[in-house]
Amino acid sequence: MTPFTRLSGIAAPLPVANVDTDQIVPKQFLKTIERTGLAGALFYDWRFDEAGQPMPGFVLDTPPYDKAVVLVAGDNFGCGSSREHAPWALLDFGIRCVVSTSFADIFYNNCINNGLLPITLGEADVAALLADAAQGLVFTIDLQNRTISCGGVVRTFEIEPAIRDKLLAGLDMIGETLARAEDIAAIEGKLERAMPWQPHIKREVVC
């Protein structure tokens, strides 16, 4: 997983509340288990007509937002089903951070486990950032210091220290497990010595 440390770039405004995961990536794109190739599926029903032809006007297809690395969204972003394809599609498009007043819990955790930073701020701050994004201003997000800088204003956001450390190190759940390989081996060795009559299965942790 790519570490998230500091990010600077254009932010796209999407002032829509209750955007669910079926809107982020519709169900017909869930056949793949690959994390790449989903950029075209992102917000598909808002970007393409029934014949698959582009519909003009959607923010992520409008310069400079077609190069956005941050999405500033309305309340309750990522509600609906638990599909992990939603953060995959955002990341494949180039979005590394989503800012909202609130996120659905499962979507939030899926973002963390894929290296996408979800930032929760109050209504006034999100409204101000939506206005900044509408002007095409550059956002700078510093995860180490928990700040968003834009238009000369620096805002601080809250995030659990353990989550921040995971993102800074680029560790998903598998990475966290591999980081404890020595501890796991020690426990397995202790069990083998304590219960030699048990048919323990040797497992190798490949780093």
N, C-alpha and C. Protein backbone atom coordinates (compact mmCIF):
# COMPACT_ATOMS: atom_id res chain seq x y z
N MET A 1 0.85 -1.19 0.00
CA MET A 1 0.00 0.00 0.00
C MET A 1 0.88 1.24 0.00
N THR A 2 0.55 2.22 -0.81
CA THR A 2 1.34 3.45 -0.89
C THR A 2 1.18 4.28 0.36
N PRO A 3 2.27 4.66 1.02
CA PRO A 3 2.15 5.50 2.22
C PRO A 3 1.51 6.84 1.90
N PHE A 4 0.76 7.36 2.83
CA PHE A 4 0.18 8.70 2.70
C PHE A 4 0.90 9.60 3.69
N THR A 5 1.63 10.58 3.17
CA THR A 5 2.35 11.50 4.04
C THR A 5 1.88 12.93 3.83
N ARG A 6 2.17 13.45 2.63
CA ARG A 6 1.79 14.83 2.30
C ARG A 6 1.28 14.87 0.87
N LEU A 7 0.18 15.56 0.67
CA LEU A 7 -0.48 15.58 -0.64
C LEU A 7 -0.83 17.01 -1.01
N SER A 8 -0.49 17.41 -2.23
CA SER A 8 -0.86 18.73 -2.73
C SER A 8 -1.47 18.59 -4.12
N GLY A 9 -2.55 19.31 -4.37
CA GLY A 9 -3.17 19.28 -5.68
C GLY A 9 -4.56 19.86 -5.67
N ILE A 10 -5.22 19.73 -6.81
CA ILE A 10 -6.57 20.25 -7.00
C ILE A 10 -7.58 19.40 -6.25
N ALA A 11 -8.59 20.06 -5.69
CA ALA A 11 -9.69 19.37 -5.02
C ALA A 11 -10.96 19.59 -5.83
N ALA A 12 -11.73 18.53 -6.01
CA ALA A 12 -12.99 18.62 -6.75
C ALA A 12 -14.15 18.77 -5.77
N PRO A 13 -15.04 19.74 -6.01
CA PRO A 13 -16.21 19.89 -5.13
C PRO A 13 -17.37 18.99 -5.56
N LEU A 14 -17.93 18.27 -4.62
CA LEU A 14 -19.10 17.43 -4.89
C LEU A 14 -20.09 17.64 -3.74
N PRO A 15 -20.82 18.76 -3.75
CA PRO A 15 -21.70 19.11 -2.63
C PRO A 15 -23.02 18.34 -2.65
N VAL A 16 -22.90 17.03 -2.58
CA VAL A 16 -24.07 16.15 -2.62
C VAL A 16 -24.05 15.27 -1.37
N ALA A 17 -25.13 15.25 -0.63
CA ALA A 17 -25.22 14.42 0.58
C ALA A 17 -25.66 13.00 0.24
N ASN A 18 -25.31 12.08 1.11
CA ASN A 18 -25.76 10.68 1.02
C ASN A 18 -25.36 10.01 -0.30
N VAL A 19 -24.16 10.28 -0.75
CA VAL A 19 -23.65 9.58 -1.94
C VAL A 19 -23.32 8.15 -1.53
N ASP A 20 -24.03 7.18 -2.11
CA ASP A 20 -23.82 5.80 -1.69
C ASP A 20 -22.81 5.10 -2.58
N THR A 21 -22.40 3.92 -2.17
CA THR A 21 -21.34 3.21 -2.89
C THR A 21 -21.79 2.73 -4.26
N ASP A 22 -23.10 2.57 -4.48
CA ASP A 22 -23.59 2.20 -5.80
C ASP A 22 -23.47 3.37 -6.77
N GLN A 23 -23.51 4.59 -6.25
CA GLN A 23 -23.27 5.76 -7.09
C GLN A 23 -21.78 5.94 -7.35
N ILE A 24 -20.97 5.61 -6.34
CA ILE A 24 -19.52 5.73 -6.52
C ILE A 24 -19.03 4.74 -7.56
N VAL A 25 -19.46 3.49 -7.46
CA VAL A 25 -19.12 2.49 -8.48
C VAL A 25 -20.30 1.52 -8.60
N PRO A 26 -21.05 1.60 -9.70
CA PRO A 26 -22.25 0.77 -9.87
C PRO A 26 -21.96 -0.73 -9.87
N LYS A 27 -23.00 -1.49 -9.59
CA LYS A 27 -22.88 -2.93 -9.34
C LYS A 27 -22.31 -3.71 -10.52
N GLN A 28 -22.51 -3.25 -11.75
CA GLN A 28 -22.03 -4.02 -12.91
C GLN A 28 -20.51 -4.08 -13.01
N PHE A 29 -19.83 -3.25 -12.21
CA PHE A 29 -18.38 -3.24 -12.25
C PHE A 29 -17.75 -4.05 -11.11
N LEU A 30 -18.58 -4.80 -10.38
CA LEU A 30 -18.08 -5.52 -9.22
C LEU A 30 -17.55 -6.91 -9.56
N LYS A 31 -17.53 -7.27 -10.84
CA LYS A 31 -17.06 -8.60 -11.22
C LYS A 31 -15.55 -8.73 -11.05
N THR A 32 -14.83 -7.63 -11.20
CA THR A 32 -13.38 -7.69 -11.12
C THR A 32 -12.91 -7.74 -9.67
N ILE A 33 -11.77 -8.41 -9.46
CA ILE A 33 -11.13 -8.39 -8.15
C ILE A 33 -9.82 -7.62 -8.22
N GLU A 34 -9.60 -6.97 -9.36
CA GLU A 34 -8.41 -6.14 -9.53
C GLU A 34 -8.68 -4.73 -9.00
N ARG A 35 -7.66 -4.12 -8.44
CA ARG A 35 -7.84 -2.77 -7.89
C ARG A 35 -7.57 -1.68 -8.92
N THR A 36 -7.20 -2.07 -10.12
CA THR A 36 -6.94 -1.10 -11.18
C THR A 36 -7.97 -1.26 -12.29
N GLY A 37 -8.06 -0.23 -13.14
CA GLY A 37 -9.00 -0.28 -14.25
C GLY A 37 -10.40 0.16 -13.90
N LEU A 38 -10.59 0.75 -12.72
CA LEU A 38 -11.92 1.15 -12.28
C LEU A 38 -12.16 2.66 -12.37
N ALA A 39 -11.18 3.41 -12.88
CA ALA A 39 -11.35 4.87 -12.97
C ALA A 39 -12.55 5.22 -13.84
N GLY A 40 -12.75 4.46 -14.92
CA GLY A 40 -13.87 4.73 -15.81
C GLY A 40 -15.22 4.38 -15.20
N ALA A 41 -15.20 3.55 -14.16
CA ALA A 41 -16.45 3.16 -13.50
C ALA A 41 -16.87 4.15 -12.42
N LEU A 42 -15.95 5.02 -12.02
CA LEU A 42 -16.23 5.95 -10.93
C LEU A 42 -17.38 6.89 -11.30
N PHE A 43 -18.43 6.92 -10.48
CA PHE A 43 -19.61 7.75 -10.72
C PHE A 43 -20.15 7.55 -12.14
N TYR A 44 -20.13 6.31 -12.59
CA TYR A 44 -20.45 6.01 -13.99
C TYR A 44 -21.82 6.55 -14.42
N ASP A 45 -22.83 6.36 -13.58
CA ASP A 45 -24.18 6.77 -13.96
C ASP A 45 -24.34 8.29 -14.02
N TRP A 46 -23.42 9.01 -13.41
CA TRP A 46 -23.45 10.47 -13.48
C TRP A 46 -22.59 11.00 -14.63
N ARG A 47 -21.78 10.13 -15.21
CA ARG A 47 -20.83 10.56 -16.25
C ARG A 47 -21.17 10.05 -17.65
N PHE A 48 -21.97 8.97 -17.71
CA PHE A 48 -22.26 8.34 -19.00
C PHE A 48 -23.75 8.06 -19.14
N ASP A 49 -24.23 8.11 -20.39
CA ASP A 49 -25.64 7.82 -20.62
C ASP A 49 -25.85 6.31 -20.80
N GLU A 50 -27.08 5.90 -21.12
CA GLU A 50 -27.39 4.48 -21.22
C GLU A 50 -26.63 3.78 -22.35
N ALA A 51 -26.19 4.56 -23.34
CA ALA A 51 -25.42 4.00 -24.45
C ALA A 51 -23.93 4.01 -24.17
N GLY A 52 -23.55 4.46 -22.96
CA GLY A 52 -22.14 4.49 -22.60
C GLY A 52 -21.39 5.71 -23.13
N GLN A 53 -22.15 6.71 -23.63
CA GLN A 53 -21.53 7.92 -24.15
C GLN A 53 -21.37 8.95 -23.04
N PRO A 54 -20.24 9.67 -23.04
CA PRO A 54 -20.01 10.68 -21.99
C PRO A 54 -21.09 11.75 -21.97
N MET A 55 -21.50 12.13 -20.76
CA MET A 55 -22.44 13.24 -20.59
C MET A 55 -21.64 14.42 -20.05
N PRO A 56 -21.69 15.55 -20.71
CA PRO A 56 -20.88 16.69 -20.27
C PRO A 56 -21.39 17.28 -18.96
N GLY A 57 -20.47 17.89 -18.23
CA GLY A 57 -20.87 18.67 -17.07
C GLY A 57 -20.48 18.10 -15.72
N PHE A 58 -20.16 16.78 -15.66
CA PHE A 58 -19.82 16.23 -14.34
C PHE A 58 -18.46 16.77 -13.92
N VAL A 59 -18.34 17.07 -12.63
CA VAL A 59 -17.18 17.80 -12.13
C VAL A 59 -15.86 17.09 -12.43
N LEU A 60 -15.79 15.77 -12.30
CA LEU A 60 -14.53 15.07 -12.48
C LEU A 60 -14.12 14.94 -13.95
N ASP A 61 -15.02 15.34 -14.85
CA ASP A 61 -14.68 15.35 -16.27
C ASP A 61 -14.44 16.76 -16.78
N THR A 62 -14.44 17.72 -15.85
CA THR A 62 -14.29 19.13 -16.20
C THR A 62 -12.95 19.64 -15.69
N PRO A 63 -12.04 20.11 -16.57
CA PRO A 63 -10.77 20.67 -16.11
C PRO A 63 -11.00 21.85 -15.17
N PRO A 64 -10.19 22.03 -14.13
CA PRO A 64 -9.01 21.23 -13.80
C PRO A 64 -9.32 20.02 -12.92
N TYR A 65 -10.61 19.78 -12.66
CA TYR A 65 -10.98 18.74 -11.69
C TYR A 65 -10.77 17.32 -12.21
N ASP A 66 -10.51 17.19 -13.51
CA ASP A 66 -10.20 15.86 -14.04
C ASP A 66 -8.84 15.38 -13.56
N LYS A 67 -8.07 16.29 -12.91
CA LYS A 67 -6.78 15.94 -12.33
C LYS A 67 -6.82 16.03 -10.80
N ALA A 68 -8.01 16.03 -10.24
CA ALA A 68 -8.15 16.21 -8.79
C ALA A 68 -7.53 15.04 -8.02
N VAL A 69 -6.94 15.38 -6.88
CA VAL A 69 -6.40 14.36 -5.97
C VAL A 69 -7.17 14.35 -4.65
N VAL A 70 -8.05 15.34 -4.48
CA VAL A 70 -8.89 15.46 -3.28
C VAL A 70 -10.33 15.63 -3.74
N LEU A 71 -11.26 15.01 -3.01
CA LEU A 71 -12.69 15.19 -3.26
C LEU A 71 -13.31 15.76 -2.00
N VAL A 72 -13.97 16.91 -2.13
CA VAL A 72 -14.70 17.50 -1.00
C VAL A 72 -16.18 17.21 -1.22
N ALA A 73 -16.76 16.42 -0.34
CA ALA A 73 -18.10 15.87 -0.57
C ALA A 73 -19.09 16.31 0.49
N GLY A 74 -20.36 16.01 0.23
CA GLY A 74 -21.43 16.30 1.18
C GLY A 74 -21.47 15.29 2.31
N ASP A 75 -22.45 15.44 3.18
CA ASP A 75 -22.57 14.63 4.38
C ASP A 75 -22.85 13.16 4.06
N ASN A 76 -22.41 12.28 4.95
CA ASN A 76 -22.71 10.84 4.89
C ASN A 76 -22.20 10.22 3.59
N PHE A 77 -20.96 10.51 3.25
CA PHE A 77 -20.39 9.99 2.01
C PHE A 77 -20.04 8.51 2.17
N GLY A 78 -20.34 7.71 1.13
CA GLY A 78 -19.99 6.30 1.14
C GLY A 78 -20.99 5.41 1.85
N CYS A 79 -22.23 5.88 2.00
CA CYS A 79 -23.25 5.04 2.63
C CYS A 79 -23.67 3.93 1.66
N GLY A 80 -24.53 3.04 2.11
CA GLY A 80 -24.99 1.96 1.25
C GLY A 80 -24.24 0.67 1.50
N SER A 81 -24.01 -0.09 0.45
CA SER A 81 -23.40 -1.42 0.60
C SER A 81 -21.92 -1.30 0.93
N SER A 82 -21.33 -2.44 1.28
CA SER A 82 -19.96 -2.43 1.81
C SER A 82 -18.89 -2.63 0.75
N ARG A 83 -19.21 -2.42 -0.51
CA ARG A 83 -18.27 -2.74 -1.60
C ARG A 83 -16.95 -1.99 -1.49
N GLU A 84 -15.86 -2.77 -1.48
CA GLU A 84 -14.52 -2.18 -1.41
C GLU A 84 -14.11 -1.57 -2.75
N HIS A 85 -14.86 -1.89 -3.80
CA HIS A 85 -14.56 -1.31 -5.11
C HIS A 85 -14.69 0.21 -5.09
N ALA A 86 -15.46 0.77 -4.16
CA ALA A 86 -15.65 2.22 -4.12
C ALA A 86 -14.32 2.95 -3.88
N PRO A 87 -13.57 2.64 -2.81
CA PRO A 87 -12.27 3.29 -2.69
C PRO A 87 -11.29 2.90 -3.78
N TRP A 88 -11.41 1.67 -4.30
CA TRP A 88 -10.54 1.28 -5.42
C TRP A 88 -10.74 2.20 -6.61
N ALA A 89 -12.00 2.50 -6.94
CA ALA A 89 -12.30 3.36 -8.08
C ALA A 89 -11.81 4.79 -7.85
N LEU A 90 -12.00 5.30 -6.65
CA LEU A 90 -11.51 6.63 -6.33
C LEU A 90 -10.00 6.71 -6.48
N LEU A 91 -9.31 5.72 -5.93
CA LEU A 91 -7.85 5.70 -6.02
C LEU A 91 -7.37 5.56 -7.46
N ASP A 92 -8.05 4.72 -8.23
CA ASP A 92 -7.63 4.51 -9.62
C ASP A 92 -7.82 5.78 -10.44
N PHE A 93 -8.79 6.60 -10.08
CA PHE A 93 -8.99 7.88 -10.75
C PHE A 93 -7.89 8.87 -10.37
N GLY A 94 -7.33 8.71 -9.17
CA GLY A 94 -6.30 9.62 -8.69
C GLY A 94 -6.64 10.32 -7.39
N ILE A 95 -7.84 10.04 -6.85
CA ILE A 95 -8.27 10.64 -5.58
C ILE A 95 -7.56 9.93 -4.43
N ARG A 96 -6.81 10.68 -3.62
CA ARG A 96 -6.12 10.09 -2.47
C ARG A 96 -6.74 10.51 -1.14
N CYS A 97 -7.67 11.47 -1.19
CA CYS A 97 -8.27 11.98 0.05
C CYS A 97 -9.69 12.44 -0.23
N VAL A 98 -10.61 12.12 0.69
CA VAL A 98 -11.99 12.61 0.62
C VAL A 98 -12.29 13.35 1.91
N VAL A 99 -12.88 14.54 1.78
CA VAL A 99 -13.24 15.36 2.93
C VAL A 99 -14.76 15.45 3.00
N SER A 100 -15.33 15.20 4.18
CA SER A 100 -16.77 15.28 4.36
C SER A 100 -17.07 15.55 5.84
N THR A 101 -18.33 15.84 6.12
CA THR A 101 -18.73 16.00 7.52
C THR A 101 -18.91 14.66 8.21
N SER A 102 -19.17 13.59 7.40
CA SER A 102 -19.29 12.25 7.97
C SER A 102 -19.18 11.21 6.87
N PHE A 103 -18.79 10.00 7.28
CA PHE A 103 -18.65 8.87 6.36
C PHE A 103 -19.38 7.66 6.93
N ALA A 104 -19.85 6.79 6.06
CA ALA A 104 -20.35 5.50 6.51
C ALA A 104 -19.18 4.70 7.08
N ASP A 105 -19.41 3.97 8.16
CA ASP A 105 -18.33 3.29 8.87
C ASP A 105 -17.55 2.31 8.00
N ILE A 106 -18.27 1.47 7.24
CA ILE A 106 -17.59 0.45 6.44
C ILE A 106 -16.77 1.11 5.34
N PHE A 107 -17.34 2.13 4.69
CA PHE A 107 -16.59 2.84 3.66
C PHE A 107 -15.34 3.48 4.26
N TYR A 108 -15.47 4.08 5.42
CA TYR A 108 -14.33 4.71 6.10
C TYR A 108 -13.20 3.70 6.30
N ASN A 109 -13.54 2.54 6.83
CA ASN A 109 -12.52 1.52 7.09
C ASN A 109 -11.93 0.97 5.79
N ASN A 110 -12.76 0.83 4.76
CA ASN A 110 -12.24 0.37 3.47
C ASN A 110 -11.24 1.38 2.90
N CYS A 111 -11.52 2.66 3.10
CA CYS A 111 -10.57 3.69 2.65
C CYS A 111 -9.24 3.53 3.37
N ILE A 112 -9.28 3.40 4.68
CA ILE A 112 -8.05 3.27 5.48
C ILE A 112 -7.24 2.07 5.02
N ASN A 113 -7.91 0.95 4.77
CA ASN A 113 -7.21 -0.28 4.40
C ASN A 113 -6.68 -0.26 2.97
N ASN A 114 -6.98 0.81 2.23
CA ASN A 114 -6.48 0.92 0.86
C ASN A 114 -5.62 2.16 0.65
N GLY A 115 -5.33 2.89 1.73
CA GLY A 115 -4.44 4.03 1.62
C GLY A 115 -5.10 5.32 1.17
N LEU A 116 -6.43 5.39 1.25
CA LEU A 116 -7.16 6.61 0.92
C LEU A 116 -7.54 7.29 2.23
N LEU A 117 -7.21 8.56 2.37
CA LEU A 117 -7.42 9.27 3.63
C LEU A 117 -8.80 9.92 3.67
N PRO A 118 -9.70 9.48 4.57
CA PRO A 118 -10.98 10.16 4.78
C PRO A 118 -10.85 11.17 5.92
N ILE A 119 -11.14 12.42 5.66
CA ILE A 119 -11.03 13.47 6.67
C ILE A 119 -12.41 13.97 7.03
N THR A 120 -12.70 13.99 8.31
CA THR A 120 -13.98 14.48 8.81
C THR A 120 -13.80 15.86 9.44
N LEU A 121 -14.60 16.82 8.97
CA LEU A 121 -14.56 18.18 9.51
C LEU A 121 -15.99 18.66 9.77
N GLY A 122 -16.11 19.77 10.47
CA GLY A 122 -17.42 20.34 10.75
C GLY A 122 -18.06 20.97 9.51
N GLU A 123 -19.35 21.25 9.61
CA GLU A 123 -20.09 21.76 8.46
C GLU A 123 -19.50 23.06 7.92
N ALA A 124 -19.13 23.98 8.80
CA ALA A 124 -18.61 25.28 8.36
C ALA A 124 -17.30 25.10 7.59
N ASP A 125 -16.43 24.23 8.10
CA ASP A 125 -15.15 23.99 7.43
C ASP A 125 -15.35 23.33 6.07
N VAL A 126 -16.23 22.35 6.00
CA VAL A 126 -16.47 21.67 4.72
C VAL A 126 -17.09 22.64 3.72
N ALA A 127 -18.00 23.50 4.18
CA ALA A 127 -18.61 24.50 3.29
C ALA A 127 -17.54 25.44 2.74
N ALA A 128 -16.60 25.86 3.60
CA ALA A 128 -15.53 26.75 3.16
C ALA A 128 -14.61 26.05 2.16
N LEU A 129 -14.33 24.77 2.41
CA LEU A 129 -13.46 24.02 1.50
C LEU A 129 -14.15 23.73 0.17
N LEU A 130 -15.47 23.54 0.19
CA LEU A 130 -16.21 23.39 -1.06
C LEU A 130 -16.09 24.66 -1.90
N ALA A 131 -16.17 25.82 -1.24
CA ALA A 131 -16.03 27.09 -1.95
C ALA A 131 -14.62 27.25 -2.50
N ASP A 132 -13.62 26.86 -1.72
CA ASP A 132 -12.22 26.92 -2.18
C ASP A 132 -12.02 26.00 -3.38
N ALA A 133 -12.58 24.79 -3.30
CA ALA A 133 -12.45 23.84 -4.41
C ALA A 133 -13.12 24.38 -5.66
N ALA A 134 -14.26 25.04 -5.51
CA ALA A 134 -14.97 25.61 -6.66
C ALA A 134 -14.16 26.68 -7.36
N GLN A 135 -13.22 27.29 -6.64
CA GLN A 135 -12.34 28.29 -7.23
C GLN A 135 -11.09 27.68 -7.85
N GLY A 136 -10.94 26.35 -7.71
CA GLY A 136 -9.78 25.68 -8.28
C GLY A 136 -8.51 25.87 -7.48
N LEU A 137 -8.65 26.19 -6.19
CA LEU A 137 -7.47 26.40 -5.35
C LEU A 137 -6.77 25.08 -5.04
N VAL A 138 -5.47 25.18 -4.79
CA VAL A 138 -4.68 24.00 -4.46
C VAL A 138 -4.81 23.68 -2.97
N PHE A 139 -5.03 22.42 -2.66
CA PHE A 139 -5.10 21.95 -1.28
C PHE A 139 -3.77 21.26 -0.95
N THR A 140 -3.31 21.44 0.28
CA THR A 140 -2.15 20.70 0.77
C THR A 140 -2.55 20.00 2.06
N ILE A 141 -2.40 18.69 2.07
CA ILE A 141 -2.79 17.90 3.24
C ILE A 141 -1.55 17.27 3.83
N ASP A 142 -1.32 17.55 5.10
CA ASP A 142 -0.16 17.03 5.83
C ASP A 142 -0.68 16.08 6.91
N LEU A 143 -0.53 14.79 6.67
CA LEU A 143 -1.09 13.82 7.61
C LEU A 143 -0.31 13.80 8.92
N GLN A 144 1.00 13.96 8.85
CA GLN A 144 1.82 13.94 10.07
C GLN A 144 1.34 15.01 11.05
N ASN A 145 1.06 16.21 10.52
CA ASN A 145 0.64 17.32 11.38
C ASN A 145 -0.88 17.51 11.42
N ARG A 146 -1.61 16.65 10.68
CA ARG A 146 -3.08 16.65 10.66
C ARG A 146 -3.64 18.01 10.24
N THR A 147 -3.13 18.53 9.12
CA THR A 147 -3.58 19.83 8.66
C THR A 147 -4.00 19.80 7.19
N ILE A 148 -4.97 20.68 6.87
CA ILE A 148 -5.35 20.97 5.49
C ILE A 148 -5.09 22.46 5.27
N SER A 149 -4.28 22.78 4.28
CA SER A 149 -3.97 24.17 3.98
C SER A 149 -4.55 24.53 2.62
N CYS A 150 -5.24 25.66 2.56
CA CYS A 150 -5.82 26.11 1.30
C CYS A 150 -6.16 27.60 1.40
N GLY A 151 -5.77 28.36 0.40
CA GLY A 151 -6.11 29.78 0.38
C GLY A 151 -5.57 30.55 1.56
N GLY A 152 -4.43 30.13 2.09
CA GLY A 152 -3.82 30.82 3.22
C GLY A 152 -4.39 30.44 4.57
N VAL A 153 -5.37 29.54 4.60
CA VAL A 153 -5.98 29.09 5.85
C VAL A 153 -5.54 27.66 6.14
N VAL A 154 -5.13 27.43 7.40
CA VAL A 154 -4.71 26.10 7.82
C VAL A 154 -5.73 25.55 8.80
N ARG A 155 -6.27 24.41 8.48
CA ARG A 155 -7.25 23.76 9.36
C ARG A 155 -6.68 22.45 9.89
N THR A 156 -7.00 22.14 11.13
CA THR A 156 -6.54 20.90 11.75
C THR A 156 -7.69 19.90 11.77
N PHE A 157 -7.39 18.65 11.48
CA PHE A 157 -8.41 17.60 11.54
C PHE A 157 -7.99 16.52 12.54
N GLU A 158 -8.97 15.80 13.04
CA GLU A 158 -8.72 14.73 14.00
C GLU A 158 -8.67 13.38 13.28
N ILE A 159 -7.80 12.52 13.75
CA ILE A 159 -7.73 11.15 13.24
C ILE A 159 -7.09 10.29 14.32
N GLU A 160 -7.55 9.07 14.46
CA GLU A 160 -6.99 8.20 15.49
C GLU A 160 -5.50 7.98 15.23
N PRO A 161 -4.67 8.07 16.27
CA PRO A 161 -3.23 7.90 16.08
C PRO A 161 -2.86 6.59 15.39
N ALA A 162 -3.55 5.50 15.73
CA ALA A 162 -3.22 4.20 15.13
C ALA A 162 -3.51 4.22 13.63
N ILE A 163 -4.61 4.88 13.23
CA ILE A 163 -4.95 4.98 11.82
C ILE A 163 -3.94 5.86 11.10
N ARG A 164 -3.58 6.98 11.72
CA ARG A 164 -2.58 7.86 11.11
C ARG A 164 -1.27 7.12 10.89
N ASP A 165 -0.84 6.35 11.89
CA ASP A 165 0.42 5.61 11.77
C ASP A 165 0.36 4.58 10.65
N LYS A 166 -0.78 3.90 10.51
CA LYS A 166 -0.94 2.92 9.42
C LYS A 166 -0.79 3.58 8.06
N LEU A 167 -1.46 4.71 7.88
CA LEU A 167 -1.41 5.40 6.60
C LEU A 167 -0.02 5.96 6.31
N LEU A 168 0.61 6.52 7.33
CA LEU A 168 1.96 7.06 7.15
C LEU A 168 2.94 5.97 6.75
N ALA A 169 2.76 4.78 7.30
CA ALA A 169 3.67 3.66 7.02
C ALA A 169 3.26 2.88 5.78
N GLY A 170 2.04 3.13 5.28
CA GLY A 170 1.56 2.38 4.13
C GLY A 170 1.25 0.93 4.46
N LEU A 171 0.66 0.70 5.62
CA LEU A 171 0.37 -0.66 6.06
C LEU A 171 -1.11 -0.97 5.98
N ASP A 172 -1.48 -1.98 5.20
CA ASP A 172 -2.83 -2.50 5.27
C ASP A 172 -2.85 -3.62 6.31
N MET A 173 -3.94 -4.39 6.40
CA MET A 173 -4.02 -5.42 7.44
C MET A 173 -2.98 -6.51 7.25
N ILE A 174 -2.70 -6.85 5.99
CA ILE A 174 -1.66 -7.85 5.73
C ILE A 174 -0.30 -7.30 6.13
N GLY A 175 -0.05 -6.06 5.79
CA GLY A 175 1.22 -5.44 6.17
C GLY A 175 1.41 -5.38 7.67
N GLU A 176 0.33 -5.09 8.39
CA GLU A 176 0.42 -5.06 9.85
C GLU A 176 0.78 -6.44 10.40
N THR A 177 0.20 -7.49 9.79
CA THR A 177 0.51 -8.85 10.23
C THR A 177 1.97 -9.19 9.95
N LEU A 178 2.43 -8.87 8.75
CA LEU A 178 3.82 -9.17 8.40
C LEU A 178 4.81 -8.41 9.27
N ALA A 179 4.42 -7.25 9.73
CA ALA A 179 5.29 -6.47 10.61
C ALA A 179 5.49 -7.15 11.96
N ARG A 180 4.60 -8.09 12.31
CA ARG A 180 4.71 -8.82 13.58
C ARG A 180 5.18 -10.25 13.35
N ALA A 181 5.88 -10.49 12.25
CA ALA A 181 6.30 -11.85 11.90
C ALA A 181 7.13 -12.50 13.00
N GLU A 182 8.04 -11.76 13.60
CA GLU A 182 8.90 -12.32 14.65
C GLU A 182 8.07 -12.70 15.88
N ASP A 183 7.12 -11.86 16.25
CA ASP A 183 6.26 -12.16 17.40
C ASP A 183 5.41 -13.40 17.13
N ILE A 184 4.89 -13.51 15.92
CA ILE A 184 4.08 -14.67 15.56
C ILE A 184 4.91 -15.95 15.63
N ALA A 185 6.12 -15.89 15.08
CA ALA A 185 7.00 -17.06 15.10
C ALA A 185 7.35 -17.46 16.53
N ALA A 186 7.55 -16.47 17.39
CA ALA A 186 7.89 -16.76 18.79
C ALA A 186 6.73 -17.46 19.50
N ILE A 187 5.52 -17.00 19.26
CA ILE A 187 4.35 -17.62 19.89
C ILE A 187 4.16 -19.04 19.37
N GLU A 188 4.33 -19.24 18.06
CA GLU A 188 4.18 -20.58 17.51
C GLU A 188 5.24 -21.53 18.08
N GLY A 189 6.46 -21.01 18.25
CA GLY A 189 7.52 -21.84 18.84
C GLY A 189 7.20 -22.21 20.27
N LYS A 190 6.64 -21.27 21.01
CA LYS A 190 6.27 -21.52 22.41
C LYS A 190 5.18 -22.60 22.49
N LEU A 191 4.20 -22.53 21.57
CA LEU A 191 3.14 -23.52 21.56
C LEU A 191 3.67 -24.91 21.22
N GLU A 192 4.60 -24.98 20.30
CA GLU A 192 5.19 -26.26 19.91
C GLU A 192 5.96 -26.89 21.07
N ARG A 193 6.65 -26.05 21.83
CA ARG A 193 7.41 -26.58 22.98
C ARG A 193 6.48 -26.98 24.12
N ALA A 194 5.40 -26.22 24.30
CA ALA A 194 4.49 -26.50 25.39
C ALA A 194 3.60 -27.71 25.11
N MET A 195 3.29 -27.94 23.84
CA MET A 195 2.40 -29.04 23.46
C MET A 195 3.01 -29.83 22.30
N PRO A 196 4.10 -30.53 22.56
CA PRO A 196 4.78 -31.25 21.47
C PRO A 196 3.95 -32.38 20.87
N TRP A 197 2.91 -32.81 21.59
CA TRP A 197 2.07 -33.90 21.07
C TRP A 197 1.07 -33.40 20.02
N GLN A 198 0.92 -32.08 19.90
CA GLN A 198 -0.02 -31.54 18.92
C GLN A 198 0.63 -31.49 17.53
N PRO A 199 -0.12 -31.84 16.49
CA PRO A 199 0.43 -31.81 15.12
C PRO A 199 0.47 -30.38 14.58
N HIS A 200 1.39 -29.57 15.12
CA HIS A 200 1.47 -28.19 14.69
C HIS A 200 1.86 -28.09 13.23
N ILE A 201 1.26 -27.15 12.56
CA ILE A 201 1.56 -26.93 11.15
C ILE A 201 2.54 -25.77 11.04
N LYS A 202 3.67 -26.05 10.44
CA LYS A 202 4.67 -25.02 10.22
C LYS A 202 4.16 -24.03 9.18
N ARG A 203 4.28 -22.74 9.50
CA ARG A 203 3.87 -21.73 8.55
C ARG A 203 5.02 -20.75 8.34
N GLU A 204 5.28 -20.43 7.09
CA GLU A 204 6.33 -19.49 6.79
C GLU A 204 5.69 -18.13 6.49
N VAL A 205 6.24 -17.08 7.08
CA VAL A 205 5.80 -15.72 6.79
C VAL A 205 6.78 -15.13 5.81
N VAL A 206 6.30 -14.86 4.63
CA VAL A 206 7.16 -14.33 3.57
C VAL A 206 7.07 -12.82 3.58
N CYS A 207 8.17 -12.16 3.78
CA CYS A 207 8.20 -10.69 3.82
C CYS A 207 8.62 -10.14 2.47
